[in-house]
Amino acid sequence: MATAKKLAAKAAARKPAAKSAAKSAAKSAAKSAARPALKPAAKPASKPAAKPVARASSVGGQKLKVVAEKGRGVHGQVIVAAGVARGNTGAQRIAADHSPRAALRKAEVAHAAAAAANTRQAVEQFLYHQSELLDQQQWQAYIDLFADEGIYWMPILPEQKDWESEPSIFAEDKDLMRVRMGRVTHPNAWSQAPMWATNHLVGNIVIESETAKEVTVRSRFHMMELRRDSVRHFGGTYRHRLAKRADGFRILMQRVDLFNGQAPFDYVLQVWV
């Protein structure tokens, strides 16, 4: 009996505590409902992009406009040329040809002349035949392609105009060509002792002009020279002035402009290119 009374007393004591907890929870809910809803934090407004700042500068007498954007630093600068250079700078002072700012030297190029198909084909076959004679080392047959007054000329520079008054790599008439042939065909010719051979490729053949007696032709060539275990390459432009004869063409002037004529070589050219 005593135990039952104790349990009833504990239960009666718990009811007021439960009622106060319920009242507290109700009050908290009411307060939360009464509060206004919180708005999400606004993002800070982005600043407008900084405008490029232009300033004038001068390098070697050339006016430049430097456009620098903030935050890009020196390497982010954009340099825009806004004038013409008054003087050479950097590599131009040492060697103008080594600088990309130097104007390229442009040679005058004659336009192709209207020529009959049979003339064009005959000229092409003549040039191919001449290169084959060189590769086969048929020197006398090669010399016979020249007229009696014919000249083989290899100038040092493309600007040269006269083969008689300026130094050249080759400047030979038929008599000098025969002297060269005798030297390279001599049994004791040192240059011909090792294995030696050439291979020519001729192309881009253009007829510049044609008359009843002559044809002027421009072409490109590449020659590979083998000497023992060494190989050299020569390239450039041929210009032939050909006389029309009953049995074909004869060379009045063959000009050879080497593309790499100023390059260093281990030994001199022994025969015609």
Protein backbone atom coordinates (compact mmCIF):
# COMPACT_ATOMS: atom_id res chain seq x y z
CA MET A 1 0.00 0.00 0.00
CA ALA A 2 2.85 2.32 0.90
CA THR A 3 4.52 1.65 -2.44
CA ALA A 4 1.35 2.50 -4.41
CA LYS A 5 0.98 5.79 -2.58
CA LYS A 6 4.58 6.78 -3.35
CA LEU A 7 4.09 6.12 -7.07
CA ALA A 8 0.87 8.17 -7.15
CA ALA A 9 2.64 11.09 -5.44
CA LYS A 10 5.50 11.07 -8.01
CA ALA A 11 3.05 11.08 -10.91
CA ALA A 12 1.16 14.02 -9.43
CA ALA A 13 4.42 15.94 -9.09
CA ARG A 14 5.33 15.39 -12.79
CA LYS A 15 2.13 16.91 -14.25
CA PRO A 16 2.92 20.56 -13.37
CA ALA A 17 6.46 20.19 -14.83
CA ALA A 18 5.11 18.82 -18.11
CA LYS A 19 2.54 21.63 -18.34
CA SER A 20 5.25 24.32 -17.87
CA ALA A 21 7.47 22.71 -20.54
CA ALA A 22 4.55 22.67 -22.97
CA LYS A 23 3.81 26.32 -22.24
CA SER A 24 7.49 27.26 -22.83
CA ALA A 25 7.57 25.43 -26.18
CA ALA A 26 4.37 27.15 -27.30
CA LYS A 27 5.75 30.57 -26.40
CA SER A 28 9.00 29.91 -28.37
CA ALA A 29 7.03 28.82 -31.43
CA ALA A 30 4.88 31.93 -31.28
CA LYS A 31 7.91 34.21 -31.06
CA SER A 32 9.58 32.48 -34.04
CA ALA A 33 6.46 32.88 -36.14
CA ALA A 34 6.27 36.55 -35.27
CA ARG A 35 9.87 37.27 -36.39
CA PRO A 36 10.34 38.47 -40.04
CA ALA A 37 12.12 36.02 -42.39
CA LEU A 38 15.83 36.73 -42.81
CA LYS A 39 16.90 37.83 -46.31
CA PRO A 40 20.03 36.28 -47.88
CA ALA A 41 23.08 38.49 -47.71
CA ALA A 42 23.46 40.63 -50.81
CA LYS A 43 26.61 40.08 -52.87
CA PRO A 44 28.91 43.06 -53.08
CA ALA A 45 28.51 44.94 -56.33
CA SER A 46 31.34 44.20 -58.78
CA LYS A 47 33.52 47.13 -59.71
CA PRO A 48 33.61 48.13 -63.37
CA ALA A 49 36.66 46.83 -65.28
CA ALA A 50 39.54 49.21 -65.24
CA LYS A 51 40.00 51.04 -68.51
CA PRO A 52 43.32 50.59 -70.27
CA VAL A 53 45.72 53.40 -69.58
CA ALA A 54 47.60 54.59 -72.64
CA ARG A 55 50.94 56.31 -72.44
CA ALA A 56 53.41 57.35 -75.08
CA SER A 57 56.90 55.97 -75.23
CA SER A 58 59.86 56.10 -77.57
CA VAL A 59 62.31 53.32 -78.45
CA GLY A 60 65.23 54.07 -80.74
CA GLY A 61 63.51 57.11 -82.21
CA GLN A 62 60.29 55.21 -82.95
CA LYS A 63 57.13 56.47 -81.29
CA LEU A 64 55.23 53.68 -79.61
CA LYS A 65 51.89 53.55 -77.85
CA VAL A 66 51.95 51.32 -74.75
CA VAL A 67 48.59 50.06 -73.51
CA ALA A 68 48.83 48.57 -70.00
CA GLU A 69 45.91 47.08 -68.11
CA LYS A 70 45.94 47.13 -64.34
CA GLY A 71 47.05 43.85 -62.83
CA ARG A 72 48.81 42.65 -66.01
CA GLY A 73 52.24 44.01 -65.21
CA VAL A 74 55.11 44.47 -67.60
CA HIS A 75 54.57 41.16 -69.40
CA GLY A 76 50.93 42.04 -70.00
CA GLN A 77 51.71 45.21 -71.92
CA VAL A 78 50.64 45.44 -75.52
CA ILE A 79 52.91 47.53 -77.70
CA VAL A 80 51.43 49.01 -80.84
CA ALA A 81 53.70 50.72 -83.31
CA ALA A 82 52.38 54.18 -84.08
CA GLY A 83 55.09 55.62 -86.28
CA VAL A 84 58.07 54.98 -88.48
CA ALA A 85 61.48 54.21 -87.00
CA ARG A 86 63.98 57.02 -87.42
CA GLY A 87 67.07 54.94 -86.67
CA ASN A 88 68.27 51.36 -86.42
CA THR A 89 68.26 49.67 -83.03
CA GLY A 90 69.51 46.41 -81.60
CA ALA A 91 70.50 43.88 -84.23
CA GLN A 92 69.97 46.45 -86.99
CA ARG A 93 73.01 48.40 -85.81
CA ILE A 94 75.16 45.29 -86.16
CA ALA A 95 73.66 43.65 -89.23
CA ALA A 96 70.53 45.02 -90.83
CA ASP A 97 69.80 41.72 -92.60
CA HIS A 98 69.58 39.92 -89.23
CA SER A 99 66.71 42.06 -87.95
CA PRO A 100 63.08 41.30 -88.86
CA ARG A 101 62.46 45.05 -89.02
CA ALA A 102 64.82 45.43 -91.97
CA ALA A 103 63.17 45.69 -95.35
CA LEU A 104 63.73 42.58 -97.43
CA ARG A 105 65.78 43.06 -100.55
CA LYS A 106 63.53 42.39 -103.50
CA ALA A 107 64.96 41.67 -106.90
CA GLU A 108 63.18 42.77 -110.03
CA VAL A 109 61.29 39.84 -111.50
CA ALA A 110 60.34 39.93 -115.15
CA HIS A 111 56.89 38.71 -116.04
CA ALA A 112 56.48 35.59 -118.08
CA ALA A 113 56.19 36.33 -121.79
CA ALA A 114 53.67 34.69 -124.04
CA ALA A 115 55.49 31.91 -125.86
CA ALA A 116 54.41 29.18 -128.21
CA ALA A 117 53.96 25.75 -126.65
CA ASN A 118 56.65 24.23 -128.86
CA THR A 119 59.15 26.97 -127.84
CA ARG A 120 58.43 26.44 -124.15
CA GLN A 121 58.82 22.70 -124.46
CA ALA A 122 62.05 23.04 -126.45
CA VAL A 123 63.51 25.37 -123.81
CA GLU A 124 62.59 23.01 -120.99
CA GLN A 125 64.18 20.05 -122.75
CA PHE A 126 67.32 22.08 -123.42
CA LEU A 127 67.75 22.96 -119.74
CA TYR A 128 67.12 19.37 -118.66
CA HIS A 129 69.68 18.14 -121.17
CA GLN A 130 72.27 20.65 -119.94
CA SER A 131 71.89 19.51 -116.32
CA GLU A 132 72.20 15.87 -117.32
CA LEU A 133 75.47 16.56 -119.13
CA LEU A 134 76.86 18.08 -115.91
CA ASP A 135 75.78 15.11 -113.80
CA GLN A 136 77.26 12.67 -116.33
CA GLN A 137 80.50 14.71 -116.45
CA GLN A 138 80.35 15.06 -120.22
CA TRP A 139 82.32 18.28 -120.15
CA GLN A 140 82.96 18.73 -123.86
CA ALA A 141 79.32 18.18 -124.76
CA TYR A 142 78.40 20.72 -122.08
CA ILE A 143 80.80 23.32 -123.51
CA ASP A 144 79.41 22.71 -127.01
CA LEU A 145 76.02 24.02 -125.83
CA PHE A 146 77.56 27.51 -125.69
CA ALA A 147 77.87 29.79 -128.71
CA ASP A 148 81.35 30.83 -129.79
CA GLU A 149 80.85 34.13 -127.96
CA GLY A 150 79.00 32.49 -125.07
CA ILE A 151 79.78 33.31 -121.42
CA TYR A 152 79.23 31.36 -118.21
CA TRP A 153 78.91 33.86 -115.34
CA MET A 154 78.40 33.34 -111.60
CA PRO A 155 78.44 36.74 -109.84
CA ILE A 156 79.18 37.14 -106.15
CA LEU A 157 76.11 39.31 -105.49
CA PRO A 158 72.75 39.48 -107.27
CA GLU A 159 73.15 43.25 -107.70
CA GLN A 160 76.08 42.82 -110.10
CA LYS A 161 75.33 43.87 -113.67
CA ASP A 162 78.65 43.54 -115.51
CA TRP A 163 80.68 40.33 -115.66
CA GLU A 164 83.84 42.02 -116.97
CA SER A 165 84.42 44.88 -114.50
CA GLU A 166 83.43 43.20 -111.19
CA PRO A 167 84.85 40.20 -109.31
CA SER A 168 82.93 36.97 -109.82
CA ILE A 169 83.00 33.34 -108.72
CA PHE A 170 82.93 32.24 -112.39
CA ALA A 171 83.39 34.42 -115.48
CA GLU A 172 84.45 32.16 -118.34
CA ASP A 173 84.25 32.18 -122.10
CA LYS A 174 84.63 28.95 -124.07
CA ASP A 175 88.44 29.11 -124.00
CA LEU A 176 88.52 29.31 -120.18
CA MET A 177 85.90 26.57 -119.97
CA ARG A 178 88.20 24.29 -121.97
CA VAL A 179 91.07 25.11 -119.60
CA ARG A 180 88.89 24.08 -116.65
CA MET A 181 87.88 20.88 -118.42
CA GLY A 182 91.53 20.01 -119.01
CA ARG A 183 92.34 20.54 -115.33
CA VAL A 184 89.53 18.40 -113.89
CA THR A 185 90.12 15.60 -116.40
CA HIS A 186 93.86 15.43 -115.76
CA PRO A 187 94.94 12.11 -114.20
CA ASN A 188 96.56 13.96 -111.30
CA ALA A 189 93.55 16.21 -110.57
CA TRP A 190 93.40 16.10 -106.78
CA SER A 191 89.79 17.30 -106.59
CA GLN A 192 88.64 14.38 -108.70
CA ALA A 193 90.61 11.70 -106.84
CA PRO A 194 87.91 10.87 -104.23
CA MET A 195 84.42 9.74 -105.17
CA TRP A 196 82.78 12.85 -106.62
CA ALA A 197 79.40 13.35 -108.27
CA THR A 198 76.58 15.88 -108.64
CA ASN A 199 72.83 15.70 -109.01
CA HIS A 200 70.86 18.60 -110.50
CA LEU A 201 67.19 19.45 -110.29
CA VAL A 202 65.83 22.22 -112.54
CA GLY A 203 62.33 23.69 -112.36
CA ASN A 204 60.14 26.81 -112.28
CA ILE A 205 61.09 27.54 -115.87
CA VAL A 206 59.76 30.89 -117.08
CA ILE A 207 60.26 32.45 -120.52
CA GLU A 208 60.85 36.15 -119.83
CA SER A 209 61.09 37.34 -123.43
CA GLU A 210 61.32 36.02 -126.95
CA THR A 211 62.30 37.50 -130.29
CA ALA A 212 62.91 36.01 -133.69
CA LYS A 213 66.56 35.36 -132.80
CA GLU A 214 66.72 34.96 -128.99
CA VAL A 215 64.90 33.61 -125.96
CA THR A 216 65.52 34.77 -122.38
CA VAL A 217 64.70 32.19 -119.73
CA ARG A 218 64.64 32.19 -115.93
CA SER A 219 64.61 29.00 -113.85
CA ARG A 220 65.44 27.62 -110.41
CA PHE A 221 67.95 24.90 -109.63
CA HIS A 222 69.19 22.74 -106.80
CA MET A 223 72.49 20.86 -106.98
CA MET A 224 73.67 18.23 -104.50
CA GLU A 225 77.39 17.52 -104.58
CA LEU A 226 78.90 14.35 -103.14
CA ARG A 227 82.60 14.24 -102.36
CA ARG A 228 83.76 11.16 -100.49
CA ASP A 229 81.45 11.13 -97.44
CA SER A 230 80.53 14.84 -97.54
CA VAL A 231 77.47 16.36 -99.18
CA ARG A 232 77.04 20.01 -100.11
CA HIS A 233 73.92 21.73 -101.41
CA PHE A 234 73.76 24.65 -103.80
CA GLY A 235 70.61 26.39 -104.95
CA GLY A 236 69.66 29.51 -106.81
CA THR A 237 68.51 30.96 -110.10
CA TYR A 238 69.58 30.36 -113.69
CA ARG A 239 69.17 33.02 -116.36
CA HIS A 240 69.82 31.86 -119.90
CA ARG A 241 70.00 34.04 -122.98
CA LEU A 242 69.62 31.57 -125.80
CA ALA A 243 70.30 32.10 -129.48
CA LYS A 244 68.00 30.32 -131.92
CA ARG A 245 69.95 28.21 -134.38
CA ALA A 246 68.90 25.79 -137.08
CA ASP A 247 70.03 22.84 -134.97
CA GLY A 248 68.61 24.13 -131.66
CA PHE A 249 69.64 26.63 -129.03
CA ARG A 250 73.08 27.95 -128.18
CA ILE A 251 73.91 29.77 -124.93
CA LEU A 252 74.92 33.41 -125.34
CA MET A 253 74.97 34.04 -121.58
CA GLN A 254 74.25 31.78 -118.64
CA ARG A 255 74.05 33.66 -115.36
CA VAL A 256 74.01 31.63 -112.13
CA ASP A 257 72.96 33.42 -108.92
CA LEU A 258 73.69 31.21 -105.93
CA PHE A 259 71.19 31.42 -103.10
CA ASN A 260 73.95 30.49 -100.62
CA GLY A 261 76.87 32.10 -102.41
CA GLN A 262 78.03 33.90 -99.24
CA ALA A 263 78.09 30.74 -97.11
CA PRO A 264 81.46 29.29 -95.98
CA PHE A 265 82.61 26.16 -97.80
CA ASP A 266 85.42 23.71 -97.09
CA TYR A 267 86.75 23.85 -100.64
CA VAL A 268 86.07 25.83 -103.81
CA LEU A 269 83.81 24.80 -106.64
CA GLN A 270 85.64 22.69 -109.16
CA VAL A 271 83.19 22.69 -112.08
CA TRP A 272 80.15 24.58 -113.28
CA VAL A 273 76.99 24.54 -111.22
